[in-house]
Structure formats: C-alpha cells, structure tokens
Amino acid sequence: MAWADLFAGLAFYLVLEGLFPFVAPQRWRRSLAALASLEENRLRLFGLAAVIAGLVLLFSVRG
C-alpha cells in the first residue's frame, strides 16, 4: 500500500465525517447525544461492528 492510498483514505474519511454536521447540524447533535447516552457495552459493540464492516469492505475492495 502506498502512502498516497493511506492519505486518500484519510481524506475520504474527513469528507464523510464533516459532511453530516455541515448538512444537518441539529440532527448530528441529537445523534451524538443519543450515542453519549448508550451503555458502554453497547457502544463497544457498535464500534466493533464498524471495525469489522470496514475491514470486510477494505479486503473485498483491495483483494
């Protein structure tokens, strides 16, 4: 993997991460408040599911 690929992935992540508060700031704020009220175990499960989904997608795209 080249450094350019890593920075392209980081740039894409930042675009997606900034898109939601830019487009719908009130909804984004409510979503963050809902996440903050989740139990720690549920939040960890959500994080684990995101990591697994990201890895599966990465390996399927990169082969």
Protein backbone atom coordinates (compact mmCIF):
# COMPACT_ATOMS: atom_id res chain seq x y z
CA MET A 1 0.00 0.00 0.00
CA ALA A 2 1.37 3.38 -0.97
CA TRP A 3 1.28 6.47 1.22
CA ALA A 4 -0.98 8.11 -1.35
CA ASP A 5 -3.61 5.42 -0.74
CA LEU A 6 -3.44 5.99 3.01
CA PHE A 7 -3.84 9.74 2.65
CA ALA A 8 -6.65 9.29 0.12
CA GLY A 9 -8.49 7.11 2.64
CA LEU A 10 -7.92 9.65 5.40
CA ALA A 11 -9.15 12.46 3.15
CA PHE A 12 -12.29 10.50 2.26
CA TYR A 13 -12.92 9.81 5.96
CA LEU A 14 -12.61 13.52 6.79
CA VAL A 15 -15.01 14.46 3.99
CA LEU A 16 -17.61 11.99 5.26
CA GLU A 17 -17.05 12.96 8.89
CA GLY A 18 -17.51 16.65 8.13
CA LEU A 19 -20.44 16.21 5.79
CA PHE A 20 -23.05 15.35 8.42
CA PRO A 21 -22.51 18.32 10.76
CA PHE A 22 -22.35 20.62 7.73
CA VAL A 23 -25.58 19.39 6.13
CA ALA A 24 -27.71 18.73 9.23
CA PRO A 25 -26.13 20.18 12.39
CA GLN A 26 -29.18 19.74 14.63
CA ARG A 27 -29.71 16.12 13.65
CA TRP A 28 -25.97 15.45 14.09
CA ARG A 29 -26.10 16.98 17.58
CA ARG A 30 -29.10 14.81 18.53
CA SER A 31 -27.33 11.73 17.21
CA LEU A 32 -24.24 12.48 19.31
CA ALA A 33 -26.41 12.99 22.39
CA ALA A 34 -28.09 9.63 21.76
CA LEU A 35 -24.69 7.94 21.39
CA ALA A 36 -23.47 9.54 24.62
CA SER A 37 -26.41 8.05 26.50
CA LEU A 38 -25.73 4.46 25.35
CA GLU A 39 -24.34 1.89 27.75
CA GLU A 40 -20.61 1.26 27.43
CA ASN A 41 -21.06 -2.34 26.27
CA ARG A 42 -23.49 -1.32 23.55
CA LEU A 43 -21.15 1.41 22.39
CA ARG A 44 -18.25 -1.07 22.25
CA LEU A 45 -20.40 -3.46 20.21
CA PHE A 46 -21.24 -0.65 17.80
CA GLY A 47 -17.53 0.17 17.46
CA LEU A 48 -16.62 -3.48 16.90
CA ALA A 49 -19.29 -3.83 14.22
CA ALA A 50 -17.93 -0.73 12.47
CA VAL A 51 -14.36 -2.09 12.57
CA ILE A 52 -15.43 -5.47 11.19
CA ALA A 53 -17.55 -3.88 8.45
CA GLY A 54 -14.66 -1.60 7.50
CA LEU A 55 -12.18 -4.47 7.35
CA VAL A 56 -14.51 -6.64 5.26
CA LEU A 57 -15.09 -3.76 2.86
CA LEU A 58 -11.38 -2.97 2.68
CA PHE A 59 -10.37 -6.56 1.98
CA SER A 60 -13.13 -7.02 -0.59
CA VAL A 61 -12.08 -3.85 -2.44
CA ARG A 62 -8.32 -4.40 -2.14
CA GLY A 63 -8.49 -8.16 -2.61
